[in-house]
Amino acid sequence: MKALPRSPSELRGALVSIFPALPRDFGEQGESVFEDAGPTYQSVLRDFAAFFARDVAHSSDRQLARLAALVAGALETPDPLGVAMQECFVDELRQLKVLQRLEPFLAAARK
């Protein structure tokens, strides 16, 4: 991963580039009661975690390596993306018992 996403829409774009099968409206729901509030890192990652848990068996090693680079990069800093990545993606995958498929790629990305 060259540069980490700097906004929820950039995160959405990065995930779509890795997983082109993501639904067209993926990650567009915001978490605010205000209509004009766009998506947040949390809403994008919650949507993506649900997609990933369903389709992890169909993910290629290349996709998993690219995703792991994104996840590992985000987890390196405690900024809003890093916090959301931990709470809304990594922790969610652990609960859904699918994190083990990504773990070898995360270990390689952290080196």
C-alpha atoms as a PDB file:
ATOM      1  CA  MET A   1       0.000   0.000   0.000  1.00  0.00           C
ATOM      2  CA  LYS A   2       1.585   3.219  -1.133  1.00  0.00           C
ATOM      3  CA  ALA A   3      -0.361   5.790   0.863  1.00  0.00           C
ATOM      4  CA  LEU A   4      -3.109   5.270   3.362  1.00  0.00           C
ATOM      5  CA  PRO A   5      -6.573   6.623   2.583  1.00  0.00           C
ATOM      6  CA  ARG A   6      -7.164  10.078   4.030  1.00  0.00           C
ATOM      7  CA  SER A   7     -10.959   9.975   3.987  1.00  0.00           C
ATOM      8  CA  PRO A   8     -13.758   7.427   4.146  1.00  0.00           C
ATOM      9  CA  SER A   9     -14.364   7.834   0.414  1.00  0.00           C
ATOM     10  CA  GLU A  10     -10.680   7.141  -0.308  1.00  0.00           C
ATOM     11  CA  LEU A  11     -10.909   4.054   1.922  1.00  0.00           C
ATOM     12  CA  ARG A  12     -13.954   2.905  -0.004  1.00  0.00           C
ATOM     13  CA  GLY A  13     -12.079   3.412  -3.277  1.00  0.00           C
ATOM     14  CA  ALA A  14      -9.070   1.464  -2.009  1.00  0.00           C
ATOM     15  CA  LEU A  15     -11.261  -1.455  -0.948  1.00  0.00           C
ATOM     16  CA  VAL A  16     -13.160  -1.447  -4.253  1.00  0.00           C
ATOM     17  CA  SER A  17      -9.858  -1.538  -6.135  1.00  0.00           C
ATOM     18  CA  ILE A  18      -8.881  -4.665  -4.182  1.00  0.00           C
ATOM     19  CA  PHE A  19     -12.331  -6.286  -4.267  1.00  0.00           C
ATOM     20  CA  PRO A  20     -14.143  -5.230  -7.470  1.00  0.00           C
ATOM     21  CA  ALA A  21     -17.103  -7.470  -6.540  1.00  0.00           C
ATOM     22  CA  LEU A  22     -18.123  -5.119  -3.731  1.00  0.00           C
ATOM     23  CA  PRO A  23     -21.700  -3.897  -4.191  1.00  0.00           C
ATOM     24  CA  ARG A  24     -22.033  -0.571  -5.963  1.00  0.00           C
ATOM     25  CA  ASP A  25     -23.563   1.137  -2.902  1.00  0.00           C
ATOM     26  CA  PHE A  26     -21.030  -0.343  -0.481  1.00  0.00           C
ATOM     27  CA  GLY A  27     -20.007   2.016   2.298  1.00  0.00           C
ATOM     28  CA  GLU A  28     -22.231   4.910   1.311  1.00  0.00           C
ATOM     29  CA  GLN A  29     -24.345   4.890   4.452  1.00  0.00           C
ATOM     30  CA  GLY A  30     -23.277   7.413   7.044  1.00  0.00           C
ATOM     31  CA  GLU A  31     -23.836   6.954  10.748  1.00  0.00           C
ATOM     32  CA  SER A  32     -25.359  10.343  11.405  1.00  0.00           C
ATOM     33  CA  VAL A  33     -28.973  11.415  11.667  1.00  0.00           C
ATOM     34  CA  PHE A  34     -28.120  14.243   9.314  1.00  0.00           C
ATOM     35  CA  GLU A  35     -28.813  13.382   5.690  1.00  0.00           C
ATOM     36  CA  ASP A  36     -25.816  15.257   4.374  1.00  0.00           C
ATOM     37  CA  ALA A  37     -23.388  13.447   6.653  1.00  0.00           C
ATOM     38  CA  GLY A  38     -21.426  11.074   4.496  1.00  0.00           C
ATOM     39  CA  PRO A  39     -19.861   7.764   5.320  1.00  0.00           C
ATOM     40  CA  THR A  40     -17.383   7.388   8.136  1.00  0.00           C
ATOM     41  CA  TYR A  41     -14.416   5.075   8.427  1.00  0.00           C
ATOM     42  CA  GLN A  42     -16.553   3.023  10.806  1.00  0.00           C
ATOM     43  CA  SER A  43     -19.509   2.672   8.435  1.00  0.00           C
ATOM     44  CA  VAL A  44     -17.251   1.742   5.501  1.00  0.00           C
ATOM     45  CA  LEU A  45     -15.366  -0.844   7.541  1.00  0.00           C
ATOM     46  CA  ARG A  46     -18.513  -2.364   9.055  1.00  0.00           C
ATOM     47  CA  ASP A  47     -19.988  -2.812   5.576  1.00  0.00           C
ATOM     48  CA  PHE A  48     -16.716  -4.230   4.322  1.00  0.00           C
ATOM     49  CA  ALA A  49     -16.341  -6.623   7.279  1.00  0.00           C
ATOM     50  CA  ALA A  50     -19.762  -8.117   6.497  1.00  0.00           C
ATOM     51  CA  PHE A  51     -18.837  -8.520   2.815  1.00  0.00           C
ATOM     52  CA  PHE A  52     -15.423  -9.976   3.625  1.00  0.00           C
ATOM     53  CA  ALA A  53     -16.807 -12.482   6.124  1.00  0.00           C
ATOM     54  CA  ARG A  54     -19.241 -13.795   3.495  1.00  0.00           C
ATOM     55  CA  ASP A  55     -16.753 -13.908   0.627  1.00  0.00           C
ATOM     56  CA  VAL A  56     -13.404 -14.627   2.313  1.00  0.00           C
ATOM     57  CA  ALA A  57     -13.265 -18.126   0.822  1.00  0.00           C
ATOM     58  CA  HIS A  58     -13.372 -16.608  -2.669  1.00  0.00           C
ATOM     59  CA  SER A  59     -10.607 -14.070  -2.063  1.00  0.00           C
ATOM     60  CA  SER A  60      -7.340 -14.608  -3.894  1.00  0.00           C
ATOM     61  CA  ASP A  61      -3.983 -14.530  -2.159  1.00  0.00           C
ATOM     62  CA  ARG A  62      -3.200 -11.332  -4.072  1.00  0.00           C
ATOM     63  CA  GLN A  63      -6.356  -9.665  -2.756  1.00  0.00           C
ATOM     64  CA  LEU A  64      -5.584 -10.807   0.785  1.00  0.00           C
ATOM     65  CA  ALA A  65      -2.006  -9.530   0.552  1.00  0.00           C
ATOM     66  CA  ARG A  66      -3.177  -6.132  -0.690  1.00  0.00           C
ATOM     67  CA  LEU A  67      -5.837  -5.932   2.023  1.00  0.00           C
ATOM     68  CA  ALA A  68      -3.309  -6.957   4.676  1.00  0.00           C
ATOM     69  CA  ALA A  69      -0.965  -4.161   3.578  1.00  0.00           C
ATOM     70  CA  LEU A  70      -3.804  -1.660   3.969  1.00  0.00           C
ATOM     71  CA  VAL A  71      -4.859  -3.046   7.359  1.00  0.00           C
ATOM     72  CA  ALA A  72      -1.292  -3.253   8.711  1.00  0.00           C
ATOM     73  CA  GLY A  73      -0.527   0.282   7.558  1.00  0.00           C
ATOM     74  CA  ALA A  74      -3.656   1.647   9.185  1.00  0.00           C
ATOM     75  CA  LEU A  75      -3.000  -0.168  12.455  1.00  0.00           C
ATOM     76  CA  GLU A  76       0.452   1.407  12.794  1.00  0.00           C
ATOM     77  CA  THR A  77      -0.975   4.731  13.955  1.00  0.00           C
ATOM     78  CA  PRO A  78      -3.738   5.524  16.426  1.00  0.00           C
ATOM     79  CA  ASP A  79      -5.418   8.020  14.092  1.00  0.00           C
ATOM     80  CA  PRO A  80      -9.141   7.774  13.208  1.00  0.00           C
ATOM     81  CA  LEU A  81      -8.500   5.258  10.412  1.00  0.00           C
ATOM     82  CA  GLY A  82      -6.336   3.053  12.653  1.00  0.00           C
ATOM     83  CA  VAL A  83      -8.874   3.075  15.470  1.00  0.00           C
ATOM     84  CA  ALA A  84     -11.746   2.267  13.095  1.00  0.00           C
ATOM     85  CA  MET A  85      -9.704  -0.474  11.409  1.00  0.00           C
ATOM     86  CA  GLN A  86      -9.100  -2.154  14.763  1.00  0.00           C
ATOM     87  CA  GLU A  87     -12.600  -1.743  16.196  1.00  0.00           C
ATOM     88  CA  CYS A  88     -14.769  -2.171  13.114  1.00  0.00           C
ATOM     89  CA  PHE A  89     -12.758  -4.578  10.983  1.00  0.00           C
ATOM     90  CA  VAL A  90     -10.131  -6.590  12.874  1.00  0.00           C
ATOM     91  CA  ASP A  91     -12.208  -7.063  16.028  1.00  0.00           C
ATOM     92  CA  GLU A  92     -15.296  -7.837  13.941  1.00  0.00           C
ATOM     93  CA  LEU A  93     -13.438 -10.477  11.893  1.00  0.00           C
ATOM     94  CA  ARG A  94     -12.177 -12.016  15.137  1.00  0.00           C
ATOM     95  CA  GLN A  95     -15.757 -12.289  16.424  1.00  0.00           C
ATOM     96  CA  LEU A  96     -16.938 -13.775  13.124  1.00  0.00           C
ATOM     97  CA  LYS A  97     -14.049 -16.257  13.290  1.00  0.00           C
ATOM     98  CA  VAL A  98     -12.658 -15.378   9.852  1.00  0.00           C
ATOM     99  CA  LEU A  99      -9.583 -13.370  10.897  1.00  0.00           C
ATOM    100  CA  GLN A 100      -7.406 -16.490  10.728  1.00  0.00           C
ATOM    101  CA  ARG A 101      -7.639 -16.441   6.902  1.00  0.00           C
ATOM    102  CA  LEU A 102      -6.101 -12.954   6.837  1.00  0.00           C
ATOM    103  CA  GLU A 103      -3.573 -13.397   9.681  1.00  0.00           C
ATOM    104  CA  PRO A 104      -0.697 -14.932   7.634  1.00  0.00           C
ATOM    105  CA  PHE A 105      -0.923 -12.036   5.193  1.00  0.00           C
ATOM    106  CA  LEU A 106      -0.992  -9.517   8.056  1.00  0.00           C
ATOM    107  CA  ALA A 107       2.130 -11.094   9.547  1.00  0.00           C
ATOM    108  CA  ALA A 108       3.920 -10.768   6.201  1.00  0.00           C
ATOM    109  CA  ALA A 109       2.748  -7.166   5.749  1.00  0.00           C
ATOM    110  CA  ARG A 110       4.077  -6.156   9.174  1.00  0.00           C
ATOM    111  CA  LYS A 111       7.647  -7.271   8.333  1.00  0.00           C
END
